[in-house]
Amino acid sequence: MYSPDDAQRYADRHTTPESPLLARLNRETHVQLLHARMLSGHAQGRLLSMLSHMVRPRRVLELGTFTGYSALCLAEGLTQDGLLHTVEQNPELETRIRRYVREAGEENRIQLHIGNARELVPALAETWDLVFIDADKINNDTYYELVLPQVRPGGFLLIDNVLWGGKALDEYPVKPSDKDTFAVRAFNDKVQADERVENVFLPLRDGLLLVRKR
C-alpha cells in the first residue's frame, strides 16, 4: 500500500520541473512570507500552464495574485496578443509581484490590479477565455457570479481550494462558527447543480474545480 504523500512525490518526479525563476519565487515565498501554502506551487503550477496551453486564451482573469506564481504559469499559454489581468487586494505584495513579472519578461502581458475585485472587475471591459479564482473563499460565489457573464461560451473557470483542507467533505465535523467551510461546501454544491456549466472536481493539492461555461 502507498500513502497519498508517496503518490504525490512520485507525481512530482514525473512532472516537468518548474523554471528556475518560478523555483526561486517558490522558495522566496516560503522563506519570507506567512501563509506560503497559498502559493500554487510546482504540480498545480504546471497544471495551470498546461491548461492555459490547451485553451490558448487571449484574455485571462485571475482573482488572488498572492506573489504572482500562478499568474506567471497561466501566462505561459497566452496567445501572442494575449493579456492576463490579475487582481490582488494586499498592496504589500505589489513590489514583489511586479519584480517577478518584470524578471519573467511579462510586463506587457500581465496587468496587475491592486484592490477589491468586486469593484475592479466590472470596470474591465473584457470577454474572458479563462478565469482563475483563488481569493477569499467565503466570496467564491460572489466572484463566480461576477465573472461568469463575462466568460465566453465554451470558456473555462478554475476555482482553487475547493477541498478546503478536507473540511468540504460531508463527514468532516464543522463548527457552526466556521463560515468559510460552509461557504466552500455551498459553493461546490451550487456549481454541481448549475445548468449553465459543466464541471470536473480535481483532488489535486487542496482541490481544484474545473468549470466550462456551456
Foldseek 3Di string as FASTA:
>chain_A
DDDPVVVVVVVLVVADFDDPLLVVLLVCLVVPHPPSVLDCDTPSLQVLLVVLLVLQWQEEEEEACQQNSNVVSNLNSHDPNHAYEYEHADPVNVVNNVVSCVVVVNPVRYHYHYHDCVVPVVVPPAQTQEYEYRDQQLCPVVVCVVCVVSYDQFGKYKYPLLCVVVLLDPPHDDDPVCSSSVSSNVVVVCLVPDPQWDWDWDPDDNIMIMIGGD
